[in-house]
Amino acid sequence: MSLRGTHEVKGNYQIFRLTGLLDAFSEPTLRKVIGDYISEGPADIILVLSQIDFIDSSGLGALVQLVKKAQECGGSLQVVTNPRVTQTVKLVRLEKFLSLQDSLENAEKSLKKPKK
């Protein structure tokens, strides 16, 4: 199964719900499509990866690039994970760089906090 997803603008942020495999095959398309949406705005993004079956180093690299893109555009990126994604992120010690959330509600709350 390849990567699939939906996109929704909700107020001053965007939500992407992804399912499938986030790997070397799907990474270039993911980075381009979501990167373009970040550029168009709003730049605050929630990536819902709770239905992702697999993520590899290419997928993690794409997440890092998207965080940087969101920050360059004045926004942030929240990642809603599942145990598999969280374990992979922690394995490579990216949990301090990626803003991991356990639910969409917590990701939305995190976006609404005042930025430092």
C-alpha atoms as a PDB file:
ATOM      1  CA  MET A   1       0.000   0.000   0.000  1.00  0.00           C
ATOM      2  CA  SER A   2       1.309   3.439  -0.862  1.00  0.00           C
ATOM      3  CA  LEU A   3       0.822   6.646   1.085  1.00  0.00           C
ATOM      4  CA  ARG A   4      -2.610   8.253   0.978  1.00  0.00           C
ATOM      5  CA  GLY A   5      -4.072  11.209   2.738  1.00  0.00           C
ATOM      6  CA  THR A   6      -6.604  13.948   3.185  1.00  0.00           C
ATOM      7  CA  HIS A   7      -6.127  17.677   3.646  1.00  0.00           C
ATOM      8  CA  GLU A   8      -8.252  20.151   5.557  1.00  0.00           C
ATOM      9  CA  VAL A   9      -7.805  23.809   6.481  1.00  0.00           C
ATOM     10  CA  LYS A  10      -9.250  24.443   9.924  1.00  0.00           C
ATOM     11  CA  GLY A  11      -9.079  28.034  11.067  1.00  0.00           C
ATOM     12  CA  ASN A  12      -5.465  29.162  11.052  1.00  0.00           C
ATOM     13  CA  TYR A  13      -3.886  25.737  10.554  1.00  0.00           C
ATOM     14  CA  GLN A  14      -3.904  22.768   8.178  1.00  0.00           C
ATOM     15  CA  ILE A  15      -4.501  19.108   8.998  1.00  0.00           C
ATOM     16  CA  PHE A  16      -3.109  16.247   6.912  1.00  0.00           C
ATOM     17  CA  ARG A  17      -4.317  12.736   7.757  1.00  0.00           C
ATOM     18  CA  LEU A  18      -2.016  10.104   6.250  1.00  0.00           C
ATOM     19  CA  THR A  19      -2.317   6.335   5.929  1.00  0.00           C
ATOM     20  CA  GLY A  20      -0.040   3.690   4.479  1.00  0.00           C
ATOM     21  CA  LEU A  21       3.740   3.686   4.138  1.00  0.00           C
ATOM     22  CA  LEU A  22       5.973   6.706   4.674  1.00  0.00           C
ATOM     23  CA  ASP A  23       9.128   5.487   2.988  1.00  0.00           C
ATOM     24  CA  ALA A  24      11.682   6.271   0.266  1.00  0.00           C
ATOM     25  CA  PHE A  25       9.042   5.733  -2.423  1.00  0.00           C
ATOM     26  CA  SER A  26       6.445   8.140  -0.993  1.00  0.00           C
ATOM     27  CA  GLU A  27       8.802  10.672   0.625  1.00  0.00           C
ATOM     28  CA  PRO A  28       9.476  12.950  -2.402  1.00  0.00           C
ATOM     29  CA  THR A  29       5.769  13.406  -3.133  1.00  0.00           C
ATOM     30  CA  LEU A  30       4.935  13.970   0.536  1.00  0.00           C
ATOM     31  CA  ARG A  31       7.646  16.605   0.894  1.00  0.00           C
ATOM     32  CA  LYS A  32       6.610  18.442  -2.284  1.00  0.00           C
ATOM     33  CA  VAL A  33       2.838  18.380  -1.724  1.00  0.00           C
ATOM     34  CA  ILE A  34       2.877  19.352   1.951  1.00  0.00           C
ATOM     35  CA  GLY A  35       5.753  21.784   1.395  1.00  0.00           C
ATOM     36  CA  ASP A  36       3.662  23.585  -1.235  1.00  0.00           C
ATOM     37  CA  TYR A  37       0.690  23.767   1.143  1.00  0.00           C
ATOM     38  CA  ILE A  38       2.944  25.206   3.861  1.00  0.00           C
ATOM     39  CA  SER A  39       4.162  27.892   1.443  1.00  0.00           C
ATOM     40  CA  GLU A  40       0.580  28.789   0.523  1.00  0.00           C
ATOM     41  CA  GLY A  41      -0.383  28.974   4.214  1.00  0.00           C
ATOM     42  CA  PRO A  42      -1.402  28.774   6.868  1.00  0.00           C
ATOM     43  CA  ALA A  43       2.026  27.551   7.969  1.00  0.00           C
ATOM     44  CA  ASP A  44       0.882  25.816  11.169  1.00  0.00           C
ATOM     45  CA  ILE A  45       0.501  22.133  10.300  1.00  0.00           C
ATOM     46  CA  ILE A  46      -0.790  19.017  12.015  1.00  0.00           C
ATOM     47  CA  LEU A  47       0.332  15.744  10.442  1.00  0.00           C
ATOM     48  CA  VAL A  48      -1.827  12.876  11.678  1.00  0.00           C
ATOM     49  CA  LEU A  49       0.327   9.755  11.320  1.00  0.00           C
ATOM     50  CA  SER A  50      -1.670   7.550  13.693  1.00  0.00           C
ATOM     51  CA  GLN A  51      -2.725   5.340  10.753  1.00  0.00           C
ATOM     52  CA  ILE A  52       0.778   5.007   9.274  1.00  0.00           C
ATOM     53  CA  ASP A  53       1.811   1.355   8.951  1.00  0.00           C
ATOM     54  CA  PHE A  54       5.525   1.962   8.388  1.00  0.00           C
ATOM     55  CA  ILE A  55       8.029   4.820   8.456  1.00  0.00           C
ATOM     56  CA  ASP A  56      11.693   4.586   7.467  1.00  0.00           C
ATOM     57  CA  SER A  57      14.648   6.980   7.540  1.00  0.00           C
ATOM     58  CA  SER A  58      13.461   8.684   4.343  1.00  0.00           C
ATOM     59  CA  GLY A  59      10.100   9.374   5.960  1.00  0.00           C
ATOM     60  CA  LEU A  60      11.794  10.759   9.070  1.00  0.00           C
ATOM     61  CA  GLY A  61      13.958  12.958   6.852  1.00  0.00           C
ATOM     62  CA  ALA A  62      10.832  14.312   5.177  1.00  0.00           C
ATOM     63  CA  LEU A  63       9.337  15.182   8.577  1.00  0.00           C
ATOM     64  CA  VAL A  64      12.502  17.083   9.525  1.00  0.00           C
ATOM     65  CA  GLN A  65      12.420  19.015   6.231  1.00  0.00           C
ATOM     66  CA  LEU A  66       8.734  19.861   6.700  1.00  0.00           C
ATOM     67  CA  VAL A  67       9.361  21.137  10.251  1.00  0.00           C
ATOM     68  CA  LYS A  68      12.101  23.403   8.896  1.00  0.00           C
ATOM     69  CA  LYS A  69       9.850  24.611   6.059  1.00  0.00           C
ATOM     70  CA  ALA A  70       7.010  25.400   8.484  1.00  0.00           C
ATOM     71  CA  GLN A  71       9.403  27.302  10.760  1.00  0.00           C
ATOM     72  CA  GLU A  72      10.813  29.284   7.809  1.00  0.00           C
ATOM     73  CA  CYS A  73       7.246  30.324   6.969  1.00  0.00           C
ATOM     74  CA  GLY A  74       6.509  31.366  10.573  1.00  0.00           C
ATOM     75  CA  GLY A  75       4.603  28.233  11.550  1.00  0.00           C
ATOM     76  CA  SER A  76       5.118  24.939  13.309  1.00  0.00           C
ATOM     77  CA  LEU A  77       4.451  21.276  12.673  1.00  0.00           C
ATOM     78  CA  GLN A  78       2.751  18.918  15.132  1.00  0.00           C
ATOM     79  CA  VAL A  79       2.936  15.161  14.542  1.00  0.00           C
ATOM     80  CA  VAL A  80       0.152  12.906  15.857  1.00  0.00           C
ATOM     81  CA  THR A  81       1.756   9.488  16.170  1.00  0.00           C
ATOM     82  CA  ASN A  82       1.070   5.873  16.935  1.00  0.00           C
ATOM     83  CA  PRO A  83       3.404   3.597  18.960  1.00  0.00           C
ATOM     84  CA  ARG A  84       5.215   2.387  15.823  1.00  0.00           C
ATOM     85  CA  VAL A  85       5.989   5.919  14.603  1.00  0.00           C
ATOM     86  CA  THR A  86       6.934   7.096  18.106  1.00  0.00           C
ATOM     87  CA  GLN A  87       9.327   4.168  18.553  1.00  0.00           C
ATOM     88  CA  THR A  88      11.031   4.898  15.213  1.00  0.00           C
ATOM     89  CA  VAL A  89      11.363   8.617  16.029  1.00  0.00           C
ATOM     90  CA  LYS A  90      12.852   7.855  19.458  1.00  0.00           C
ATOM     91  CA  LEU A  91      15.216   5.277  17.991  1.00  0.00           C
ATOM     92  CA  VAL A  92      16.970   8.042  16.042  1.00  0.00           C
ATOM     93  CA  ARG A  93      16.529  10.587  18.867  1.00  0.00           C
ATOM     94  CA  LEU A  94      14.344  13.028  16.948  1.00  0.00           C
ATOM     95  CA  GLU A  95      11.664  13.307  19.650  1.00  0.00           C
ATOM     96  CA  LYS A  96      13.086  16.623  20.898  1.00  0.00           C
ATOM     97  CA  PHE A  97      13.030  18.110  17.385  1.00  0.00           C
ATOM     98  CA  LEU A  98       9.658  16.756  16.249  1.00  0.00           C
ATOM     99  CA  SER A  99       6.641  17.872  18.256  1.00  0.00           C
ATOM    100  CA  LEU A 100       4.988  14.495  18.916  1.00  0.00           C
ATOM    101  CA  GLN A 101       1.384  14.415  20.101  1.00  0.00           C
ATOM    102  CA  ASP A 102      -0.765  11.440  21.117  1.00  0.00           C
ATOM    103  CA  SER A 103      -4.013  12.875  19.721  1.00  0.00           C
ATOM    104  CA  LEU A 104      -5.374  15.443  17.299  1.00  0.00           C
ATOM    105  CA  GLU A 105      -6.908  17.333  20.230  1.00  0.00           C
ATOM    106  CA  ASN A 106      -3.525  17.680  21.948  1.00  0.00           C
ATOM    107  CA  ALA A 107      -1.924  18.809  18.684  1.00  0.00           C
ATOM    108  CA  GLU A 108      -4.608  21.477  18.291  1.00  0.00           C
ATOM    109  CA  LYS A 109      -4.065  22.641  21.892  1.00  0.00           C
ATOM    110  CA  SER A 110      -0.326  22.811  21.301  1.00  0.00           C
ATOM    111  CA  LEU A 111      -0.849  25.048  18.268  1.00  0.00           C
ATOM    112  CA  LYS A 112      -3.048  27.407  20.273  1.00  0.00           C
ATOM    113  CA  LYS A 113      -0.412  27.974  22.971  1.00  0.00           C
ATOM    114  CA  PRO A 114       1.407  31.303  22.662  1.00  0.00           C
ATOM    115  CA  LYS A 115       4.627  30.967  20.698  1.00  0.00           C
ATOM    116  CA  LYS A 116       7.841  31.729  22.563  1.00  0.00           C
END
